[in-house]
Amino acid sequence: MRAEDQYHVGIVVEDIDAAKTQLSDLFGYVWGTEMSTNVMVRLGSGTEEVNLRLVYSVSEPRVELVQQIEGTVWKPAPGSGVHHIGYWSDDVTTDAAQLEARGFLHEASGLGPDGVPMWGYYRSPTGPRVELVSRALQAGMATLWTRQG
């Protein structure tokens, strides 16, 4: 596997329609054709048929939303490893207010010398945590994505 092979971030959600609407409203995601099909899967408890419902974003970076299925691996889990999805923000304070107005809970923010938030974590009531990062940090952070040595 190589880093350049990554093509999406998969997120299991309680309500796929609500998550699609939320991500479209907030970030402008456009969604492809939704798939809903019965498939045979091997789970820890054995093989069973499940109705798998999912959709991918047409927009990149690509996001896959999967409807939770009780009693399977397809359930939202606090320790799932998907901690957050990061977005550049031209105005963290304004964007944070929009998230909070939609029910996101503020969890943490990093403040600049003037006390203005430079980044923040916001927990969604129905889906993933969102991190807003000031675009003013972009050039400095770009050094984090360059090879060393």
N, C-alpha and C. Protein backbone atom coordinates (compact mmCIF):
# COMPACT_ATOMS: atom_id res chain seq x y z
N MET A 1 0.84 -1.18 0.00
CA MET A 1 0.00 0.00 0.00
C MET A 1 0.88 1.24 0.00
N ARG A 2 0.40 2.26 -0.66
CA ARG A 2 1.11 3.54 -0.73
C ARG A 2 0.15 4.66 -0.38
N ALA A 3 0.68 5.73 0.14
CA ALA A 3 -0.15 6.87 0.53
C ALA A 3 -0.98 7.38 -0.64
N GLU A 4 -0.41 7.38 -1.83
CA GLU A 4 -1.14 7.91 -2.99
C GLU A 4 -2.30 7.00 -3.42
N ASP A 5 -2.41 5.82 -2.80
CA ASP A 5 -3.54 4.92 -3.10
C ASP A 5 -4.80 5.28 -2.31
N GLN A 6 -4.69 6.11 -1.34
CA GLN A 6 -5.88 6.51 -0.58
C GLN A 6 -6.84 7.22 -1.50
N TYR A 7 -8.13 6.83 -1.44
CA TYR A 7 -9.09 7.50 -2.29
C TYR A 7 -10.32 8.02 -1.57
N HIS A 8 -10.47 7.69 -0.29
CA HIS A 8 -11.60 8.24 0.46
C HIS A 8 -11.38 8.09 1.95
N VAL A 9 -12.22 8.78 2.69
CA VAL A 9 -12.35 8.58 4.13
C VAL A 9 -13.74 8.04 4.35
N GLY A 10 -13.83 6.86 4.94
CA GLY A 10 -15.13 6.24 5.19
C GLY A 10 -15.64 6.57 6.57
N ILE A 11 -16.91 6.95 6.61
CA ILE A 11 -17.51 7.33 7.88
C ILE A 11 -18.85 6.60 8.02
N VAL A 12 -19.01 5.84 9.09
CA VAL A 12 -20.27 5.19 9.38
C VAL A 12 -21.12 6.17 10.18
N VAL A 13 -22.34 6.37 9.73
CA VAL A 13 -23.22 7.38 10.35
C VAL A 13 -24.55 6.77 10.74
N GLU A 14 -25.20 7.36 11.71
CA GLU A 14 -26.51 6.89 12.15
C GLU A 14 -27.59 7.22 11.14
N ASP A 15 -27.44 8.32 10.42
CA ASP A 15 -28.45 8.77 9.46
C ASP A 15 -27.74 9.29 8.22
N ILE A 16 -27.68 8.46 7.18
CA ILE A 16 -26.93 8.80 5.98
C ILE A 16 -27.49 10.05 5.31
N ASP A 17 -28.81 10.20 5.29
CA ASP A 17 -29.41 11.38 4.65
C ASP A 17 -29.06 12.66 5.40
N ALA A 18 -29.11 12.61 6.72
CA ALA A 18 -28.76 13.78 7.52
C ALA A 18 -27.28 14.13 7.34
N ALA A 19 -26.42 13.12 7.30
CA ALA A 19 -24.99 13.37 7.13
C ALA A 19 -24.70 13.96 5.75
N LYS A 20 -25.36 13.46 4.70
CA LYS A 20 -25.19 14.01 3.36
C LYS A 20 -25.60 15.47 3.33
N THR A 21 -26.76 15.75 3.89
CA THR A 21 -27.26 17.13 3.90
C THR A 21 -26.31 18.04 4.66
N GLN A 22 -25.87 17.59 5.82
CA GLN A 22 -24.98 18.39 6.65
C GLN A 22 -23.67 18.70 5.93
N LEU A 23 -23.03 17.69 5.35
CA LEU A 23 -21.76 17.90 4.67
C LEU A 23 -21.92 18.72 3.40
N SER A 24 -23.06 18.58 2.73
CA SER A 24 -23.33 19.41 1.54
C SER A 24 -23.54 20.86 1.93
N ASP A 25 -24.37 21.08 2.95
CA ASP A 25 -24.65 22.45 3.40
C ASP A 25 -23.41 23.15 3.91
N LEU A 26 -22.60 22.45 4.68
CA LEU A 26 -21.44 23.07 5.31
C LEU A 26 -20.27 23.25 4.36
N PHE A 27 -19.99 22.24 3.51
CA PHE A 27 -18.76 22.24 2.76
C PHE A 27 -18.94 22.11 1.25
N GLY A 28 -20.18 22.02 0.80
CA GLY A 28 -20.45 21.98 -0.63
C GLY A 28 -20.22 20.63 -1.28
N TYR A 29 -20.21 19.54 -0.50
CA TYR A 29 -20.04 18.23 -1.11
C TYR A 29 -21.17 17.93 -2.07
N VAL A 30 -20.83 17.29 -3.18
CA VAL A 30 -21.78 16.77 -4.15
C VAL A 30 -21.67 15.26 -4.08
N TRP A 31 -22.80 14.58 -4.09
CA TRP A 31 -22.81 13.14 -3.87
C TRP A 31 -23.10 12.39 -5.16
N GLY A 32 -22.49 11.22 -5.29
CA GLY A 32 -22.73 10.34 -6.42
C GLY A 32 -23.99 9.53 -6.20
N THR A 33 -24.16 8.51 -7.01
CA THR A 33 -25.31 7.63 -6.91
C THR A 33 -25.23 6.80 -5.65
N GLU A 34 -26.30 6.82 -4.88
CA GLU A 34 -26.33 6.03 -3.66
C GLU A 34 -26.53 4.56 -4.00
N MET A 35 -25.83 3.70 -3.27
CA MET A 35 -25.97 2.26 -3.47
C MET A 35 -26.63 1.65 -2.25
N SER A 36 -27.61 0.82 -2.49
CA SER A 36 -28.25 0.05 -1.43
C SER A 36 -28.45 -1.35 -1.98
N THR A 37 -27.76 -2.32 -1.39
CA THR A 37 -27.82 -3.68 -1.92
C THR A 37 -27.63 -4.69 -0.80
N ASN A 38 -28.25 -5.83 -0.96
CA ASN A 38 -28.03 -6.92 -0.02
C ASN A 38 -26.78 -7.67 -0.44
N VAL A 39 -25.87 -7.84 0.51
CA VAL A 39 -24.62 -8.54 0.24
C VAL A 39 -24.36 -9.56 1.34
N MET A 40 -23.70 -10.62 0.96
CA MET A 40 -23.26 -11.61 1.93
C MET A 40 -21.91 -11.16 2.45
N VAL A 41 -21.79 -11.12 3.75
CA VAL A 41 -20.53 -10.70 4.36
C VAL A 41 -20.13 -11.69 5.45
N ARG A 42 -18.83 -11.80 5.62
CA ARG A 42 -18.30 -12.61 6.70
C ARG A 42 -17.97 -11.68 7.85
N LEU A 43 -18.60 -11.90 8.95
CA LEU A 43 -18.39 -11.11 10.16
C LEU A 43 -17.77 -12.00 11.22
N GLY A 44 -17.38 -11.43 12.32
CA GLY A 44 -16.82 -12.21 13.41
C GLY A 44 -17.78 -13.28 13.89
N SER A 45 -19.07 -13.03 13.76
CA SER A 45 -20.09 -13.97 14.22
C SER A 45 -20.50 -14.97 13.16
N GLY A 46 -19.92 -14.86 11.97
CA GLY A 46 -20.28 -15.77 10.88
C GLY A 46 -20.67 -15.00 9.64
N THR A 47 -21.20 -15.72 8.66
CA THR A 47 -21.60 -15.11 7.40
C THR A 47 -23.09 -14.80 7.45
N GLU A 48 -23.42 -13.59 6.98
CA GLU A 48 -24.83 -13.22 6.94
C GLU A 48 -25.08 -12.22 5.82
N GLU A 49 -26.32 -12.10 5.46
CA GLU A 49 -26.70 -11.13 4.45
C GLU A 49 -27.07 -9.82 5.14
N VAL A 50 -26.52 -8.73 4.65
CA VAL A 50 -26.84 -7.42 5.20
C VAL A 50 -27.20 -6.48 4.06
N ASN A 51 -28.01 -5.50 4.38
CA ASN A 51 -28.31 -4.46 3.41
C ASN A 51 -27.30 -3.35 3.61
N LEU A 52 -26.41 -3.21 2.65
CA LEU A 52 -25.35 -2.21 2.72
C LEU A 52 -25.80 -0.99 1.93
N ARG A 53 -25.88 0.12 2.61
CA ARG A 53 -26.29 1.39 1.99
C ARG A 53 -25.14 2.37 2.13
N LEU A 54 -24.66 2.90 0.99
CA LEU A 54 -23.54 3.83 1.04
C LEU A 54 -23.58 4.80 -0.13
N VAL A 55 -22.81 5.86 0.02
CA VAL A 55 -22.69 6.86 -1.04
C VAL A 55 -21.30 7.49 -0.94
N TYR A 56 -20.73 7.79 -2.11
CA TYR A 56 -19.44 8.48 -2.17
C TYR A 56 -19.66 9.91 -2.65
N SER A 57 -18.81 10.80 -2.18
CA SER A 57 -18.84 12.15 -2.71
C SER A 57 -18.19 12.17 -4.07
N VAL A 58 -18.74 12.99 -4.95
CA VAL A 58 -18.11 13.26 -6.23
C VAL A 58 -16.97 14.24 -5.99
N SER A 59 -17.19 15.14 -5.03
CA SER A 59 -16.20 16.14 -4.65
C SER A 59 -14.99 15.46 -4.01
N GLU A 60 -13.83 16.06 -4.22
CA GLU A 60 -12.61 15.57 -3.58
C GLU A 60 -12.13 16.59 -2.56
N PRO A 61 -11.52 16.14 -1.49
CA PRO A 61 -11.18 14.76 -1.21
C PRO A 61 -12.44 13.91 -1.00
N ARG A 62 -12.40 12.70 -1.48
CA ARG A 62 -13.55 11.83 -1.49
C ARG A 62 -13.93 11.35 -0.10
N VAL A 63 -15.23 11.38 0.19
CA VAL A 63 -15.78 10.90 1.45
C VAL A 63 -16.81 9.83 1.12
N GLU A 64 -16.78 8.74 1.88
CA GLU A 64 -17.79 7.69 1.76
C GLU A 64 -18.62 7.70 3.03
N LEU A 65 -19.93 7.75 2.89
CA LEU A 65 -20.83 7.63 4.03
C LEU A 65 -21.49 6.25 3.97
N VAL A 66 -21.50 5.56 5.09
CA VAL A 66 -22.11 4.24 5.18
C VAL A 66 -23.16 4.28 6.29
N GLN A 67 -24.35 3.80 5.98
CA GLN A 67 -25.43 3.74 6.98
C GLN A 67 -25.08 2.66 8.00
N GLN A 68 -25.22 2.98 9.28
CA GLN A 68 -24.93 1.99 10.32
C GLN A 68 -25.83 0.77 10.17
N ILE A 69 -25.29 -0.38 10.56
CA ILE A 69 -26.05 -1.63 10.58
C ILE A 69 -25.80 -2.26 11.93
N GLU A 70 -26.84 -2.29 12.75
CA GLU A 70 -26.70 -2.83 14.10
C GLU A 70 -26.17 -4.25 14.08
N GLY A 71 -25.31 -4.57 15.04
CA GLY A 71 -24.78 -5.90 15.19
C GLY A 71 -23.69 -6.26 14.21
N THR A 72 -23.17 -5.27 13.49
CA THR A 72 -22.09 -5.52 12.52
C THR A 72 -20.95 -4.55 12.78
N VAL A 73 -19.96 -4.62 11.93
CA VAL A 73 -18.84 -3.69 11.98
C VAL A 73 -19.27 -2.29 11.56
N TRP A 74 -20.41 -2.18 10.85
CA TRP A 74 -20.87 -0.89 10.37
C TRP A 74 -21.69 -0.18 11.43
N LYS A 75 -20.98 0.36 12.40
CA LYS A 75 -21.61 1.14 13.47
C LYS A 75 -20.66 2.26 13.83
N PRO A 76 -21.20 3.42 14.15
CA PRO A 76 -20.33 4.50 14.62
C PRO A 76 -19.68 4.05 15.93
N ALA A 77 -18.39 4.28 16.04
CA ALA A 77 -17.68 3.85 17.24
C ALA A 77 -16.76 4.96 17.71
N PRO A 78 -16.81 5.31 19.00
CA PRO A 78 -15.96 6.38 19.51
C PRO A 78 -14.48 6.14 19.25
N GLY A 79 -14.04 4.90 19.27
CA GLY A 79 -12.65 4.60 19.05
C GLY A 79 -12.35 4.12 17.65
N SER A 80 -13.10 4.60 16.67
CA SER A 80 -13.01 4.07 15.31
C SER A 80 -11.72 4.44 14.59
N GLY A 81 -11.01 5.42 15.06
CA GLY A 81 -9.80 5.85 14.38
C GLY A 81 -10.03 7.05 13.47
N VAL A 82 -11.28 7.30 13.08
CA VAL A 82 -11.57 8.51 12.30
C VAL A 82 -11.80 9.61 13.33
N HIS A 83 -10.77 10.35 13.57
CA HIS A 83 -10.84 11.37 14.62
C HIS A 83 -11.51 12.64 14.14
N HIS A 84 -11.10 13.12 12.95
CA HIS A 84 -11.69 14.35 12.43
C HIS A 84 -11.43 14.46 10.93
N ILE A 85 -12.16 15.35 10.33
CA ILE A 85 -11.91 15.73 8.95
C ILE A 85 -11.54 17.20 8.98
N GLY A 86 -10.37 17.53 8.44
CA GLY A 86 -9.87 18.90 8.53
C GLY A 86 -10.22 19.73 7.31
N TYR A 87 -10.58 20.98 7.56
CA TYR A 87 -10.93 21.93 6.51
C TYR A 87 -10.21 23.24 6.74
N TRP A 88 -9.67 23.82 5.67
CA TRP A 88 -9.13 25.18 5.76
C TRP A 88 -10.29 26.14 5.95
N SER A 89 -10.04 27.21 6.68
CA SER A 89 -11.06 28.22 6.94
C SER A 89 -10.47 29.61 6.75
N ASP A 90 -11.19 30.45 6.04
CA ASP A 90 -10.77 31.84 5.89
C ASP A 90 -11.13 32.67 7.12
N ASP A 91 -12.06 32.16 7.94
CA ASP A 91 -12.49 32.86 9.15
C ASP A 91 -12.99 31.81 10.13
N VAL A 92 -12.11 31.34 10.99
CA VAL A 92 -12.45 30.26 11.92
C VAL A 92 -13.62 30.66 12.81
N THR A 93 -13.64 31.88 13.30
CA THR A 93 -14.71 32.31 14.20
C THR A 93 -16.07 32.24 13.52
N THR A 94 -16.16 32.74 12.30
CA THR A 94 -17.44 32.71 11.56
C THR A 94 -17.85 31.29 11.21
N ASP A 95 -16.89 30.50 10.70
CA ASP A 95 -17.20 29.12 10.35
C ASP A 95 -17.59 28.30 11.58
N ALA A 96 -16.92 28.54 12.70
CA ALA A 96 -17.25 27.85 13.95
C ALA A 96 -18.68 28.18 14.37
N ALA A 97 -19.07 29.43 14.23
CA ALA A 97 -20.43 29.83 14.59
C ALA A 97 -21.46 29.10 13.73
N GLN A 98 -21.13 28.90 12.45
CA GLN A 98 -22.04 28.16 11.57
C GLN A 98 -22.15 26.70 12.01
N LEU A 99 -21.03 26.10 12.39
CA LEU A 99 -21.07 24.73 12.88
C LEU A 99 -21.90 24.64 14.16
N GLU A 100 -21.65 25.54 15.09
CA GLU A 100 -22.36 25.50 16.38
C GLU A 100 -23.85 25.75 16.18
N ALA A 101 -24.21 26.58 15.22
CA ALA A 101 -25.63 26.82 14.94
C ALA A 101 -26.32 25.56 14.41
N ARG A 102 -25.53 24.65 13.87
CA ARG A 102 -26.08 23.40 13.35
C ARG A 102 -25.92 22.26 14.37
N GLY A 103 -25.60 22.59 15.59
CA GLY A 103 -25.56 21.59 16.65
C GLY A 103 -24.21 20.99 16.94
N PHE A 104 -23.15 21.44 16.27
CA PHE A 104 -21.81 20.93 16.58
C PHE A 104 -21.39 21.49 17.94
N LEU A 105 -20.70 20.66 18.71
CA LEU A 105 -20.22 21.09 20.02
C LEU A 105 -18.74 21.43 19.94
N HIS A 106 -18.39 22.60 20.44
CA HIS A 106 -16.99 23.01 20.47
C HIS A 106 -16.25 22.14 21.47
N GLU A 107 -15.11 21.57 21.04
CA GLU A 107 -14.32 20.74 21.93
C GLU A 107 -12.99 21.38 22.30
N ALA A 108 -12.36 22.07 21.36
CA ALA A 108 -11.05 22.67 21.63
C ALA A 108 -10.73 23.67 20.54
N SER A 109 -9.94 24.67 20.89
CA SER A 109 -9.47 25.64 19.90
C SER A 109 -8.05 26.05 20.26
N GLY A 110 -7.27 26.36 19.23
CA GLY A 110 -5.94 26.92 19.42
C GLY A 110 -6.02 28.41 19.15
N LEU A 111 -5.56 29.21 20.08
CA LEU A 111 -5.67 30.66 19.96
C LEU A 111 -4.36 31.29 19.52
N GLY A 112 -4.49 32.28 18.63
CA GLY A 112 -3.33 33.07 18.23
C GLY A 112 -2.96 34.05 19.32
N PRO A 113 -1.86 34.79 19.16
CA PRO A 113 -1.42 35.76 20.16
C PRO A 113 -2.48 36.81 20.49
N ASP A 114 -3.36 37.09 19.52
CA ASP A 114 -4.42 38.09 19.73
C ASP A 114 -5.68 37.48 20.33
N GLY A 115 -5.64 36.18 20.66
CA GLY A 115 -6.80 35.52 21.25
C GLY A 115 -7.81 35.01 20.25
N VAL A 116 -7.56 35.22 18.96
CA VAL A 116 -8.47 34.76 17.92
C VAL A 116 -8.17 33.30 17.61
N PRO A 117 -9.21 32.45 17.49
CA PRO A 117 -8.97 31.04 17.19
C PRO A 117 -8.27 30.85 15.85
N MET A 118 -7.22 30.02 15.87
CA MET A 118 -6.50 29.66 14.65
C MET A 118 -6.93 28.29 14.15
N TRP A 119 -7.46 27.48 15.03
CA TRP A 119 -8.01 26.18 14.68
C TRP A 119 -8.99 25.78 15.77
N GLY A 120 -9.84 24.81 15.46
CA GLY A 120 -10.78 24.32 16.46
C GLY A 120 -11.35 22.97 16.08
N TYR A 121 -11.73 22.20 17.10
CA TYR A 121 -12.42 20.93 16.91
C TYR A 121 -13.88 21.09 17.31
N TYR A 122 -14.74 20.53 16.46
CA TYR A 122 -16.19 20.63 16.67
C TYR A 122 -16.80 19.25 16.45
N ARG A 123 -17.48 18.74 17.46
CA ARG A 123 -18.07 17.39 17.43
C ARG A 123 -19.46 17.48 16.83
N SER A 124 -19.69 16.72 15.79
CA SER A 124 -20.99 16.67 15.13
C SER A 124 -21.97 15.85 15.95
N PRO A 125 -23.23 16.24 15.96
CA PRO A 125 -24.23 15.43 16.65
C PRO A 125 -24.59 14.17 15.87
N THR A 126 -24.28 14.11 14.58
CA THR A 126 -24.69 12.96 13.76
C THR A 126 -23.57 12.32 12.96
N GLY A 127 -22.39 12.88 12.96
CA GLY A 127 -21.34 12.36 12.10
C GLY A 127 -19.97 12.66 12.65
N PRO A 128 -19.05 13.00 11.77
CA PRO A 128 -17.66 13.14 12.18
C PRO A 128 -17.36 14.47 12.88
N ARG A 129 -16.27 14.45 13.61
CA ARG A 129 -15.72 15.68 14.20
C ARG A 129 -15.10 16.47 13.06
N VAL A 130 -15.23 17.78 13.12
CA VAL A 130 -14.66 18.68 12.11
C VAL A 130 -13.57 19.51 12.77
N GLU A 131 -12.44 19.64 12.09
CA GLU A 131 -11.39 20.56 12.52
C GLU A 131 -11.33 21.70 11.51
N LEU A 132 -11.46 22.91 12.01
CA LEU A 132 -11.27 24.11 11.19
C LEU A 132 -9.87 24.63 11.45
N VAL A 133 -9.13 24.92 10.38
CA VAL A 133 -7.77 25.44 10.50
C VAL A 133 -7.67 26.70 9.67
N SER A 134 -7.20 27.77 10.29
CA SER A 134 -7.08 29.04 9.58
C SER A 134 -6.16 28.91 8.38
N ARG A 135 -6.62 29.44 7.26
CA ARG A 135 -5.82 29.43 6.03
C ARG A 135 -4.51 30.20 6.24
N ALA A 136 -4.47 31.08 7.23
CA ALA A 136 -3.24 31.81 7.53
C ALA A 136 -2.12 30.86 7.96
N LEU A 137 -2.47 29.67 8.41
CA LEU A 137 -1.47 28.68 8.83
C LEU A 137 -1.01 27.78 7.68
N GLN A 138 -1.67 27.89 6.54
CA GLN A 138 -1.43 26.95 5.45
C GLN A 138 0.03 26.91 4.99
N ALA A 139 0.63 28.05 4.73
CA ALA A 139 2.01 28.07 4.23
C ALA A 139 2.96 27.44 5.25
N GLY A 140 2.81 27.77 6.51
CA GLY A 140 3.67 27.20 7.54
C GLY A 140 3.45 25.71 7.70
N MET A 141 2.22 25.28 7.61
CA MET A 141 1.91 23.86 7.76
C MET A 141 2.37 23.05 6.57
N ALA A 142 2.53 23.69 5.41
CA ALA A 142 2.96 22.97 4.22
C ALA A 142 4.30 22.29 4.44
N THR A 143 5.10 22.80 5.35
CA THR A 143 6.39 22.16 5.64
C THR A 143 6.19 20.80 6.28
N LEU A 144 5.04 20.57 6.88
CA LEU A 144 4.75 19.27 7.49
C LEU A 144 4.52 18.20 6.44
N TRP A 145 4.27 18.60 5.20
CA TRP A 145 3.97 17.64 4.12
C TRP A 145 5.12 17.52 3.12
N THR A 146 6.29 17.92 3.56
CA THR A 146 7.47 17.75 2.69
C THR A 146 8.35 16.66 3.27
N ARG A 147 9.08 16.00 2.41
CA ARG A 147 9.96 14.91 2.83
C ARG A 147 11.19 15.48 3.53
N GLN A 148 11.60 14.80 4.56
CA GLN A 148 12.81 15.17 5.29
C GLN A 148 13.97 14.32 4.79
N GLY A 149 15.16 14.96 4.67
CA GLY A 149 16.38 14.24 4.33
C GLY A 149 16.38 13.80 2.92
